[in-house]
C-alpha cells in the first residue's frame, strides 16, 4: 500500500464514523451499551489470546485448553505502522484505542 492508498481509505472510513449503522466498525460498541454501560466482565486481547483464554477458563471453573490450529507468525501490531499511519488509526479509532488501552509506541 502507498501512503495515498492509506490516506484514501482513512478519508472514506472517517465519513462513516458518525453514522449509527457504522457502530460495528468499533470494538467499543460490542462491549458497551449506547449509554456507556459496560456489558461484559472481561475483554480479552488477541495479542495475548492464550493467557486471556486461560484467565476466562479459570474464572468460570473449566479445565480446558485452547486448541492451536493454523499457526502463523506475526510481528507485534505496532511494527506495522509508520508514525503517520499510527496517527491516522489513533484518530479514526480513538474510542477503541482509549477504551482498550492500545498504544502505538514501538516496543523495544
PDB file of N, CA and C in Angstrom:
ATOM      1  N   UNK A   1       0.834  -1.189   0.000  1.00  0.00           N
ATOM      2  CA  UNK A   1       0.000   0.000   0.000  1.00  0.00           C
ATOM      3  C   UNK A   1       0.871   1.241   0.000  1.00  0.00           C
ATOM      4  N   UNK A   2       0.385   2.240  -0.673  1.00  0.00           N
ATOM      5  CA  UNK A   2       1.093   3.510  -0.667  1.00  0.00           C
ATOM      6  C   UNK A   2       0.476   4.408   0.391  1.00  0.00           C
ATOM      7  N   UNK A   3       1.164   5.459   0.708  1.00  0.00           N
ATOM      8  CA  UNK A   3       0.627   6.439   1.662  1.00  0.00           C
ATOM      9  C   UNK A   3      -0.686   7.013   1.136  1.00  0.00           C
ATOM     10  N   UNK A   4      -0.798   7.210  -0.174  1.00  0.00           N
ATOM     11  CA  UNK A   4      -2.042   7.716  -0.772  1.00  0.00           C
ATOM     12  C   UNK A   4      -3.190   6.730  -0.585  1.00  0.00           C
ATOM     13  N   UNK A   5      -2.912   5.431  -0.734  1.00  0.00           N
ATOM     14  CA  UNK A   5      -3.936   4.405  -0.508  1.00  0.00           C
ATOM     15  C   UNK A   5      -4.441   4.464   0.928  1.00  0.00           C
ATOM     16  N   UNK A   6      -3.515   4.584   1.839  1.00  0.00           N
ATOM     17  CA  UNK A   6      -3.873   4.642   3.257  1.00  0.00           C
ATOM     18  C   UNK A   6      -4.690   5.896   3.543  1.00  0.00           C
ATOM     19  N   UNK A   7      -4.270   7.009   3.003  1.00  0.00           N
ATOM     20  CA  UNK A   7      -4.999   8.276   3.213  1.00  0.00           C
ATOM     21  C   UNK A   7      -6.410   8.189   2.617  1.00  0.00           C
ATOM     22  N   UNK A   8      -6.562   7.616   1.430  1.00  0.00           N
ATOM     23  CA  UNK A   8      -7.883   7.486   0.807  1.00  0.00           C
ATOM     24  C   UNK A   8      -8.802   6.585   1.632  1.00  0.00           C
ATOM     25  N   UNK A   9      -8.261   5.487   2.136  1.00  0.00           N
ATOM     26  CA  UNK A   9      -9.047   4.591   2.976  1.00  0.00           C
ATOM     27  C   UNK A   9      -9.456   5.295   4.263  1.00  0.00           C
ATOM     28  N   UNK A  10      -8.521   6.014   4.861  1.00  0.00           N
ATOM     29  CA  UNK A  10      -8.822   6.776   6.074  1.00  0.00           C
ATOM     30  C   UNK A  10      -9.949   7.771   5.819  1.00  0.00           C
ATOM     31  N   UNK A  11      -9.857   8.529   4.738  1.00  0.00           N
ATOM     32  CA  UNK A  11     -10.884   9.527   4.422  1.00  0.00           C
ATOM     33  C   UNK A  11     -12.247   8.872   4.234  1.00  0.00           C
ATOM     34  N   UNK A  12     -12.274   7.722   3.577  1.00  0.00           N
ATOM     35  CA  UNK A  12     -13.525   7.003   3.365  1.00  0.00           C
ATOM     36  C   UNK A  12     -14.112   6.527   4.693  1.00  0.00           C
ATOM     37  N   UNK A  13     -13.296   5.885   5.520  1.00  0.00           N
ATOM     38  CA  UNK A  13     -13.782   5.385   6.805  1.00  0.00           C
ATOM     39  C   UNK A  13     -14.215   6.513   7.732  1.00  0.00           C
ATOM     40  N   UNK A  14     -13.519   7.625   7.684  1.00  0.00           N
ATOM     41  CA  UNK A  14     -13.845   8.759   8.555  1.00  0.00           C
ATOM     42  C   UNK A  14     -15.242   9.292   8.274  1.00  0.00           C
ATOM     43  N   UNK A  15     -15.694   9.187   7.025  1.00  0.00           N
ATOM     44  CA  UNK A  15     -17.037   9.643   6.671  1.00  0.00           C
ATOM     45  C   UNK A  15     -18.111   8.868   7.416  1.00  0.00           C
ATOM     46  N   UNK A  16     -17.845   7.605   7.710  1.00  0.00           N
ATOM     47  CA  UNK A  16     -18.836   6.741   8.342  1.00  0.00           C
ATOM     48  C   UNK A  16     -18.799   6.772   9.863  1.00  0.00           C
ATOM     49  N   UNK A  17     -17.839   7.446  10.423  1.00  0.00           N
ATOM     50  CA  UNK A  17     -17.641   7.410  11.870  1.00  0.00           C
ATOM     51  C   UNK A  17     -18.868   7.879  12.647  1.00  0.00           C
ATOM     52  N   UNK A  18     -19.595   8.838  12.152  1.00  0.00           N
ATOM     53  CA  UNK A  18     -20.745   9.363  12.878  1.00  0.00           C
ATOM     54  C   UNK A  18     -22.060   8.695  12.538  1.00  0.00           C
ATOM     55  N   UNK A  19     -22.064   7.694  11.685  1.00  0.00           N
ATOM     56  CA  UNK A  19     -23.293   7.024  11.269  1.00  0.00           C
ATOM     57  C   UNK A  19     -23.571   5.861  12.203  1.00  0.00           C
ATOM     58  N   UNK A  20     -24.794   5.821  12.756  1.00  0.00           N
ATOM     59  CA  UNK A  20     -25.152   4.790  13.736  1.00  0.00           C
ATOM     60  C   UNK A  20     -24.896   3.386  13.198  1.00  0.00           C
ATOM     61  N   UNK A  21     -25.213   3.138  11.942  1.00  0.00           N
ATOM     62  CA  UNK A  21     -25.038   1.806  11.366  1.00  0.00           C
ATOM     63  C   UNK A  21     -23.563   1.407  11.287  1.00  0.00           C
ATOM     64  N   UNK A  22     -22.679   2.371  11.398  1.00  0.00           N
ATOM     65  CA  UNK A  22     -21.248   2.075  11.324  1.00  0.00           C
ATOM     66  C   UNK A  22     -20.659   1.723  12.685  1.00  0.00           C
ATOM     67  N   UNK A  23     -21.506   1.640  13.715  1.00  0.00           N
ATOM     68  CA  UNK A  23     -21.016   1.308  15.054  1.00  0.00           C
ATOM     69  C   UNK A  23     -20.220   0.007  15.067  1.00  0.00           C
ATOM     70  N   UNK A  24     -20.551  -0.916  14.178  1.00  0.00           N
ATOM     71  CA  UNK A  24     -19.854  -2.199  14.169  1.00  0.00           C
ATOM     72  C   UNK A  24     -18.395  -2.067  13.755  1.00  0.00           C
ATOM     73  N   UNK A  25     -17.994  -0.882  13.288  1.00  0.00           N
ATOM     74  CA  UNK A  25     -16.587  -0.652  12.968  1.00  0.00           C
ATOM     75  C   UNK A  25     -15.735  -0.555  14.226  1.00  0.00           C
ATOM     76  N   UNK A  26     -16.381  -0.352  15.366  1.00  0.00           N
ATOM     77  CA  UNK A  26     -15.654  -0.101  16.598  1.00  0.00           C
ATOM     78  C   UNK A  26     -15.899  -1.223  17.607  1.00  0.00           C
ATOM     79  N   UNK A  27     -14.833  -1.718  18.213  1.00  0.00           N
ATOM     80  CA  UNK A  27     -14.946  -2.765  19.225  1.00  0.00           C
ATOM     81  C   UNK A  27     -15.754  -2.285  20.429  1.00  0.00           C
ATOM     82  N   UNK A  28     -15.651  -1.013  20.738  1.00  0.00           N
ATOM     83  CA  UNK A  28     -16.345  -0.418  21.879  1.00  0.00           C
ATOM     84  C   UNK A  28     -17.819  -0.799  21.892  1.00  0.00           C
ATOM     85  N   UNK A  29     -18.464  -0.774  20.735  1.00  0.00           N
ATOM     86  CA  UNK A  29     -19.904  -0.996  20.659  1.00  0.00           C
ATOM     87  C   UNK A  29     -20.303  -2.454  20.887  1.00  0.00           C
ATOM     88  N   UNK A  30     -19.340  -3.348  20.937  1.00  0.00           N
ATOM     89  CA  UNK A  30     -19.630  -4.733  21.282  1.00  0.00           C
ATOM     90  C   UNK A  30     -19.534  -4.953  22.790  1.00  0.00           C
ATOM     91  N   UNK A  31     -18.871  -4.074  23.508  1.00  0.00           N
ATOM     92  CA  UNK A  31     -18.635  -4.251  24.930  1.00  0.00           C
ATOM     93  C   UNK A  31     -19.373  -3.248  25.812  1.00  0.00           C
ATOM     94  N   UNK A  32     -19.916  -2.181  25.210  1.00  0.00           N
ATOM     95  CA  UNK A  32     -20.604  -1.131  25.966  1.00  0.00           C
ATOM     96  C   UNK A  32     -21.956  -0.820  25.346  1.00  0.00           C
ATOM     97  N   UNK A  33     -22.925  -0.503  26.196  1.00  0.00           N
ATOM     98  CA  UNK A  33     -24.258  -0.134  25.720  1.00  0.00           C
ATOM     99  C   UNK A  33     -24.221   1.286  25.146  1.00  0.00           C
ATOM    100  N   UNK A  34     -25.286   1.685  24.449  1.00  0.00           N
ATOM    101  CA  UNK A  34     -25.319   3.053  23.894  1.00  0.00           C
ATOM    102  C   UNK A  34     -25.163   4.146  24.951  1.00  0.00           C
ATOM    103  N   UNK A  35     -25.563   3.857  26.199  1.00  0.00           N
ATOM    104  CA  UNK A  35     -25.403   4.866  27.259  1.00  0.00           C
ATOM    105  C   UNK A  35     -24.085   4.718  28.019  1.00  0.00           C
ATOM    106  N   UNK A  36     -23.165   3.876  27.500  1.00  0.00           N
ATOM    107  CA  UNK A  36     -21.829   3.769  28.075  1.00  0.00           C
ATOM    108  C   UNK A  36     -21.662   2.751  29.184  1.00  0.00           C
ATOM    109  N   UNK A  37     -22.680   1.918  29.427  1.00  0.00           N
ATOM    110  CA  UNK A  37     -22.587   0.902  30.469  1.00  0.00           C
ATOM    111  C   UNK A  37     -21.810  -0.304  29.942  1.00  0.00           C
ATOM    112  N   UNK A  38     -20.831  -0.754  30.712  1.00  0.00           N
ATOM    113  CA  UNK A  38     -20.029  -1.915  30.322  1.00  0.00           C
ATOM    114  C   UNK A  38     -20.908  -3.163  30.359  1.00  0.00           C
ATOM    115  N   UNK A  39     -20.903  -3.920  29.266  1.00  0.00           N
ATOM    116  CA  UNK A  39     -21.770  -5.086  29.120  1.00  0.00           C
ATOM    117  C   UNK A  39     -21.067  -6.405  29.405  1.00  0.00           C
ATOM    118  N   UNK A  40     -19.777  -6.385  29.586  1.00  0.00           N
ATOM    119  CA  UNK A  40     -19.005  -7.612  29.773  1.00  0.00           C
ATOM    120  C   UNK A  40     -18.130  -7.492  31.011  1.00  0.00           C
ATOM    121  N   UNK A  41     -17.740  -8.637  31.558  1.00  0.00           N
ATOM    122  CA  UNK A  41     -16.861  -8.654  32.726  1.00  0.00           C
ATOM    123  C   UNK A  41     -15.391  -8.564  32.351  1.00  0.00           C
ATOM    124  N   UNK A  42     -15.076  -9.042  31.155  1.00  0.00           N
ATOM    125  CA  UNK A  42     -13.677  -9.142  30.772  1.00  0.00           C
ATOM    126  C   UNK A  42     -13.557  -9.005  29.266  1.00  0.00           C
ATOM    127  N   UNK A  43     -12.554  -8.285  28.821  1.00  0.00           N
ATOM    128  CA  UNK A  43     -12.268  -8.164  27.396  1.00  0.00           C
ATOM    129  C   UNK A  43     -10.879  -8.743  27.161  1.00  0.00           C
ATOM    130  N   UNK A  44     -10.844  -9.838  26.433  1.00  0.00           N
ATOM    131  CA  UNK A  44      -9.570 -10.451  26.094  1.00  0.00           C
ATOM    132  C   UNK A  44      -8.959  -9.773  24.881  1.00  0.00           C
ATOM    133  N   UNK A  45      -7.685  -9.976  24.729  1.00  0.00           N
ATOM    134  CA  UNK A  45      -6.966  -9.387  23.598  1.00  0.00           C
ATOM    135  C   UNK A  45      -6.363 -10.494  22.753  1.00  0.00           C
ATOM    136  N   UNK A  46      -6.507 -10.355  21.450  1.00  0.00           N
ATOM    137  CA  UNK A  46      -5.947 -11.345  20.546  1.00  0.00           C
ATOM    138  C   UNK A  46      -4.438 -11.444  20.717  1.00  0.00           C
ATOM    139  N   UNK A  47      -3.803 -10.329  21.031  1.00  0.00           N
ATOM    140  CA  UNK A  47      -2.347 -10.301  21.185  1.00  0.00           C
ATOM    141  C   UNK A  47      -1.867 -11.213  22.319  1.00  0.00           C
ATOM    142  N   UNK A  48      -2.760 -11.568  23.223  1.00  0.00           N
ATOM    143  CA  UNK A  48      -2.410 -12.473  24.330  1.00  0.00           C
ATOM    144  C   UNK A  48      -3.528 -13.492  24.537  1.00  0.00           C
ATOM    145  N   UNK A  49      -3.971 -14.065  23.426  1.00  0.00           N
ATOM    146  CA  UNK A  49      -5.157 -14.931  23.431  1.00  0.00           C
ATOM    147  C   UNK A  49      -5.010 -16.142  24.353  1.00  0.00           C
ATOM    148  N   UNK A  50      -3.857 -16.755  24.399  1.00  0.00           N
ATOM    149  CA  UNK A  50      -3.684 -17.939  25.256  1.00  0.00           C
ATOM    150  C   UNK A  50      -3.845 -17.577  26.723  1.00  0.00           C
ATOM    151  N   UNK A  51      -3.189 -16.519  27.158  1.00  0.00           N
ATOM    152  CA  UNK A  51      -3.292 -16.096  28.556  1.00  0.00           C
ATOM    153  C   UNK A  51      -4.719 -15.683  28.904  1.00  0.00           C
ATOM    154  N   UNK A  52      -5.365 -14.945  28.016  1.00  0.00           N
ATOM    155  CA  UNK A  52      -6.724 -14.485  28.298  1.00  0.00           C
ATOM    156  C   UNK A  52      -7.724 -15.639  28.288  1.00  0.00           C
ATOM    157  N   UNK A  53      -7.537 -16.600  27.389  1.00  0.00           N
ATOM    158  CA  UNK A  53      -8.387 -17.791  27.379  1.00  0.00           C
ATOM    159  C   UNK A  53      -8.244 -18.542  28.706  1.00  0.00           C
ATOM    160  N   UNK A  54      -7.010 -18.723  29.161  1.00  0.00           N
ATOM    161  CA  UNK A  54      -6.781 -19.402  30.442  1.00  0.00           C
ATOM    162  C   UNK A  54      -7.411 -18.634  31.595  1.00  0.00           C
ATOM    163  N   UNK A  55      -7.327 -17.326  31.570  1.00  0.00           N
ATOM    164  CA  UNK A  55      -7.949 -16.492  32.601  1.00  0.00           C
ATOM    165  C   UNK A  55      -9.460 -16.744  32.654  1.00  0.00           C
ATOM    166  N   UNK A  56     -10.094 -16.766  31.495  1.00  0.00           N
ATOM    167  CA  UNK A  56     -11.542 -16.988  31.433  1.00  0.00           C
ATOM    168  C   UNK A  56     -11.889 -18.395  31.919  1.00  0.00           C
ATOM    169  N   UNK A  57     -11.147 -19.395  31.480  1.00  0.00           N
ATOM    170  CA  UNK A  57     -11.426 -20.773  31.905  1.00  0.00           C
ATOM    171  C   UNK A  57     -11.288 -20.908  33.421  1.00  0.00           C
ATOM    172  N   UNK A  58     -10.243 -20.300  33.990  1.00  0.00           N
ATOM    173  CA  UNK A  58     -10.070 -20.340  35.445  1.00  0.00           C
ATOM    174  C   UNK A  58     -11.219 -19.634  36.150  1.00  0.00           C
ATOM    175  N   UNK A  59     -11.648 -18.520  35.609  1.00  0.00           N
ATOM    176  CA  UNK A  59     -12.721 -17.722  36.217  1.00  0.00           C
ATOM    177  C   UNK A  59     -14.038 -18.493  36.265  1.00  0.00           C
ATOM    178  N   UNK A  60     -14.339 -19.242  35.211  1.00  0.00           N
ATOM    179  CA  UNK A  60     -15.610 -19.967  35.183  1.00  0.00           C
ATOM    180  C   UNK A  60     -15.473 -21.420  35.625  1.00  0.00           C
ATOM    181  N   UNK A  61     -14.250 -21.809  36.007  1.00  0.00           N
ATOM    182  CA  UNK A  61     -14.043 -23.128  36.583  1.00  0.00           C
ATOM    183  C   UNK A  61     -14.054 -24.277  35.593  1.00  0.00           C
ATOM    184  N   UNK A  62     -13.561 -24.033  34.408  1.00  0.00           N
ATOM    185  CA  UNK A  62     -13.492 -25.087  33.400  1.00  0.00           C
ATOM    186  C   UNK A  62     -12.027 -25.388  33.108  1.00  0.00           C
ATOM    187  N   UNK A  63     -11.696 -26.671  33.091  1.00  0.00           N
ATOM    188  CA  UNK A  63     -10.336 -27.097  32.777  1.00  0.00           C
ATOM    189  C   UNK A  63     -10.273 -27.441  31.296  1.00  0.00           C
ATOM    190  N   UNK A  64      -9.928 -26.489  30.489  1.00  0.00           N
ATOM    191  CA  UNK A  64      -9.917 -26.669  29.042  1.00  0.00           C
ATOM    192  C   UNK A  64      -8.731 -25.903  28.471  1.00  0.00           C
ATOM    193  N   UNK A  65      -8.175 -26.436  27.391  1.00  0.00           N
ATOM    194  CA  UNK A  65      -7.078 -25.747  26.714  1.00  0.00           C
ATOM    195  C   UNK A  65      -7.549 -25.232  25.368  1.00  0.00           C
ATOM    196  N   UNK A  66      -7.005 -24.122  24.955  1.00  0.00           N
ATOM    197  CA  UNK A  66      -7.336 -23.533  23.662  1.00  0.00           C
ATOM    198  C   UNK A  66      -6.628 -24.323  22.564  1.00  0.00           C
ATOM    199  N   UNK A  67      -7.389 -24.870  21.620  1.00  0.00           N
ATOM    200  CA  UNK A  67      -6.740 -25.602  20.519  1.00  0.00           C
ATOM    201  C   UNK A  67      -5.881 -24.645  19.697  1.00  0.00           C
ATOM    202  N   UNK A  68      -4.798 -25.165  19.168  1.00  0.00           N
ATOM    203  CA  UNK A  68      -3.891 -24.348  18.359  1.00  0.00           C
ATOM    204  C   UNK A  68      -3.908 -24.884  16.933  1.00  0.00           C
ATOM    205  N   UNK A  69      -4.500 -24.088  16.039  1.00  0.00           N
ATOM    206  CA  UNK A  69      -4.606 -24.504  14.636  1.00  0.00           C
ATOM    207  C   UNK A  69      -4.099 -23.380  13.747  1.00  0.00           C
ATOM    208  N   UNK A  70      -3.669 -23.744  12.563  1.00  0.00           N
ATOM    209  CA  UNK A  70      -3.239 -22.758  11.562  1.00  0.00           C
ATOM    210  C   UNK A  70      -2.223 -21.773  12.136  1.00  0.00           C
ATOM    211  N   UNK A  71      -1.173 -22.298  12.673  1.00  0.00           N
ATOM    212  CA  UNK A  71      -0.149 -21.471  13.295  1.00  0.00           C
ATOM    213  C   UNK A  71       0.510 -20.535  12.289  1.00  0.00           C
ATOM    214  N   UNK A  72       0.546 -19.280  12.642  1.00  0.00           N
ATOM    215  CA  UNK A  72       1.247 -18.276  11.846  1.00  0.00           C
ATOM    216  C   UNK A  72       2.088 -17.434  12.780  1.00  0.00           C
ATOM    217  N   UNK A  73       2.995 -16.727  12.198  1.00  0.00           N
ATOM    218  CA  UNK A  73       3.863 -15.870  12.992  1.00  0.00           C
ATOM    219  C   UNK A  73       3.665 -14.423  12.549  1.00  0.00           C
ATOM    220  N   UNK A  74       3.291 -13.584  13.488  1.00  0.00           N
ATOM    221  CA  UNK A  74       3.091 -12.165  13.188  1.00  0.00           C
ATOM    222  C   UNK A  74       3.944 -11.329  14.135  1.00  0.00           C
ATOM    223  N   UNK A  75       4.375 -10.220  13.621  1.00  0.00           N
ATOM    224  CA  UNK A  75       5.094  -9.267  14.461  1.00  0.00           C
ATOM    225  C   UNK A  75       4.083  -8.552  15.366  1.00  0.00           C
ATOM    226  N   UNK A  76       4.582  -7.868  16.354  1.00  0.00           N
ATOM    227  CA  UNK A  76       3.756  -7.011  17.193  1.00  0.00           C
ATOM    228  C   UNK A  76       3.015  -6.017  16.299  1.00  0.00           C
ATOM    229  N   UNK A  77       1.732  -5.811  16.553  1.00  0.00           N
ATOM    230  CA  UNK A  77       0.912  -4.974  15.670  1.00  0.00           C
ATOM    231  C   UNK A  77       1.494  -3.575  15.476  1.00  0.00           C
ATOM    232  N   UNK A  78       2.186  -3.059  16.459  1.00  0.00           N
ATOM    233  CA  UNK A  78       2.726  -1.690  16.373  1.00  0.00           C
ATOM    234  C   UNK A  78       3.795  -1.544  15.296  1.00  0.00           C
ATOM    235  N   UNK A  79       4.444  -2.652  14.958  1.00  0.00           N
ATOM    236  CA  UNK A  79       5.523  -2.569  13.968  1.00  0.00           C
ATOM    237  C   UNK A  79       5.005  -2.385  12.550  1.00  0.00           C
ATOM    238  N   UNK A  80       3.705  -2.578  12.346  1.00  0.00           N
ATOM    239  CA  UNK A  80       3.134  -2.440  11.011  1.00  0.00           C
ATOM    240  C   UNK A  80       2.810  -0.989  10.654  1.00  0.00           C
ATOM    241  N   UNK A  81       2.922  -0.079  11.608  1.00  0.00           N
ATOM    242  CA  UNK A  81       2.528   1.310  11.397  1.00  0.00           C
ATOM    243  C   UNK A  81       3.725   2.237  11.337  1.00  0.00           C
ATOM    244  N   UNK A  82       3.633   3.207  10.453  1.00  0.00           N
ATOM    245  CA  UNK A  82       4.578   4.323  10.469  1.00  0.00           C
ATOM    246  C   UNK A  82       4.015   5.331  11.460  1.00  0.00           C
ATOM    247  N   UNK A  83       4.777   6.316  11.877  1.00  0.00           N
ATOM    248  CA  UNK A  83       4.205   7.343  12.762  1.00  0.00           C
ATOM    249  C   UNK A  83       2.969   8.018  12.141  1.00  0.00           C
ATOM    250  N   UNK A  84       2.982   8.199  10.834  1.00  0.00           N
ATOM    251  CA  UNK A  84       1.849   8.847  10.168  1.00  0.00           C
ATOM    252  C   UNK A  84       0.610   7.958  10.161  1.00  0.00           C
ATOM    253  N   UNK A  85       0.771   6.674   9.822  1.00  0.00           N
ATOM    254  CA  UNK A  85      -0.398   5.798   9.789  1.00  0.00           C
ATOM    255  C   UNK A  85      -0.899   5.508  11.203  1.00  0.00           C
ATOM    256  N   UNK A  86      -0.007   5.454  12.168  1.00  0.00           N
ATOM    257  CA  UNK A  86      -0.435   5.281  13.563  1.00  0.00           C
ATOM    258  C   UNK A  86      -1.301   6.459  13.997  1.00  0.00           C
ATOM    259  N   UNK A  87      -0.938   7.665  13.604  1.00  0.00           N
ATOM    260  CA  UNK A  87      -1.734   8.852  13.951  1.00  0.00           C
ATOM    261  C   UNK A  87      -3.117   8.785  13.307  1.00  0.00           C
ATOM    262  N   UNK A  88      -3.198   8.287  12.082  1.00  0.00           N
ATOM    263  CA  UNK A  88      -4.492   8.161  11.407  1.00  0.00           C
ATOM    264  C   UNK A  88      -5.383   7.155  12.144  1.00  0.00           C
ATOM    265  N   UNK A  89      -4.820   6.011  12.492  1.00  0.00           N
ATOM    266  CA  UNK A  89      -5.589   4.986  13.200  1.00  0.00           C
ATOM    267  C   UNK A  89      -5.981   5.478  14.587  1.00  0.00           C
ATOM    268  N   UNK A  90      -5.068   6.148  15.272  1.00  0.00           N
ATOM    269  CA  UNK A  90      -5.362   6.711  16.585  1.00  0.00           C
ATOM    270  C   UNK A  90      -6.555   7.657  16.506  1.00  0.00           C
ATOM    271  N   UNK A  91      -6.615   8.459  15.448  1.00  0.00           N
ATOM    272  CA  UNK A  91      -7.722   9.406  15.275  1.00  0.00           C
ATOM    273  C   UNK A  91      -9.017   8.677  14.920  1.00  0.00           C
ATOM    274  N   UNK A  92      -8.955   7.807  13.939  1.00  0.00           N
ATOM    275  CA  UNK A  92     -10.150   7.137  13.436  1.00  0.00           C
ATOM    276  C   UNK A  92     -10.773   6.225  14.488  1.00  0.00           C
ATOM    277  N   UNK A  93      -9.960   5.501  15.213  1.00  0.00           N
ATOM    278  CA  UNK A  93     -10.444   4.530  16.197  1.00  0.00           C
ATOM    279  C   UNK A  93     -10.170   4.989  17.629  1.00  0.00           C
ATOM    280  N   UNK A  94     -10.251   6.268  17.866  1.00  0.00           N
ATOM    281  CA  UNK A  94      -9.932   6.826  19.190  1.00  0.00           C
ATOM    282  C   UNK A  94     -10.718   6.162  20.309  1.00  0.00           C
ATOM    283  N   UNK A  95     -11.998   5.879  20.076  1.00  0.00           N
ATOM    284  CA  UNK A  95     -12.816   5.273  21.130  1.00  0.00           C
ATOM    285  C   UNK A  95     -12.275   3.895  21.520  1.00  0.00           C
ATOM    286  N   UNK A  96     -11.819   3.118  20.564  1.00  0.00           N
ATOM    287  CA  UNK A  96     -11.247   1.804  20.872  1.00  0.00           C
ATOM    288  C   UNK A  96      -9.852   1.925  21.464  1.00  0.00           C
ATOM    289  N   UNK A  97      -9.046   2.793  20.907  1.00  0.00           N
ATOM    290  CA  UNK A  97      -7.680   2.986  21.405  1.00  0.00           C
ATOM    291  C   UNK A  97      -7.727   3.403  22.871  1.00  0.00           C
ATOM    292  N   UNK A  98      -8.587   4.362  23.195  1.00  0.00           N
ATOM    293  CA  UNK A  98      -8.695   4.853  24.572  1.00  0.00           C
ATOM    294  C   UNK A  98      -9.324   3.822  25.503  1.00  0.00           C
ATOM    295  N   UNK A  99     -10.413   3.196  25.072  1.00  0.00           N
ATOM    296  CA  UNK A  99     -11.140   2.264  25.930  1.00  0.00           C
ATOM    297  C   UNK A  99     -10.333   1.016  26.246  1.00  0.00           C
ATOM    298  N   UNK A 100      -9.649   0.487  25.250  1.00  0.00           N
ATOM    299  CA  UNK A 100      -8.980  -0.793  25.434  1.00  0.00           C
ATOM    300  C   UNK A 100      -7.472  -0.680  25.615  1.00  0.00           C
ATOM    301  N   UNK A 101      -6.964   0.544  25.703  1.00  0.00           N
ATOM    302  CA  UNK A 101      -5.564   0.746  26.047  1.00  0.00           C
ATOM    303  C   UNK A 101      -4.566   0.394  24.969  1.00  0.00           C
ATOM    304  N   UNK A 102      -4.970   0.508  23.722  1.00  0.00           N
ATOM    305  CA  UNK A 102      -4.000   0.274  22.649  1.00  0.00           C
ATOM    306  C   UNK A 102      -3.000   1.417  22.609  1.00  0.00           C
ATOM    307  N   UNK A 103      -1.819   1.111  22.173  1.00  0.00           N
ATOM    308  CA  UNK A 103      -0.779   2.122  22.047  1.00  0.00           C
ATOM    309  C   UNK A 103      -0.008   1.860  20.764  1.00  0.00           C
ATOM    310  N   UNK A 104       0.587   2.882  20.239  1.00  0.00           N
ATOM    311  CA  UNK A 104       1.367   2.716  19.018  1.00  0.00           C
ATOM    312  C   UNK A 104       2.837   3.002  19.249  1.00  0.00           C
ATOM    313  N   UNK A 105       3.225   3.133  20.514  1.00  0.00           N
ATOM    314  CA  UNK A 105       4.626   3.283  20.837  1.00  0.00           C
ATOM    315  C   UNK A 105       5.335   1.994  20.456  1.00  0.00           C
ATOM    316  N   UNK A 106       6.444   2.105  19.783  1.00  0.00           N
ATOM    317  CA  UNK A 106       7.169   0.923  19.340  1.00  0.00           C
ATOM    318  C   UNK A 106       7.768   0.195  20.534  1.00  0.00           C
ATOM    319  N   UNK A 107       7.627  -1.120  20.532  1.00  0.00           N
ATOM    320  CA  UNK A 107       8.257  -1.941  21.570  1.00  0.00           C
ATOM    321  C   UNK A 107       9.713  -2.126  21.228  1.00  0.00           C
ATOM    322  N   UNK A 108      10.508  -2.223  22.242  1.00  0.00           N
ATOM    323  CA  UNK A 108      11.933  -2.455  22.008  1.00  0.00           C
ATOM    324  C   UNK A 108      12.283  -3.903  22.195  1.00  0.00           C
TER     325      UNK A 108
END
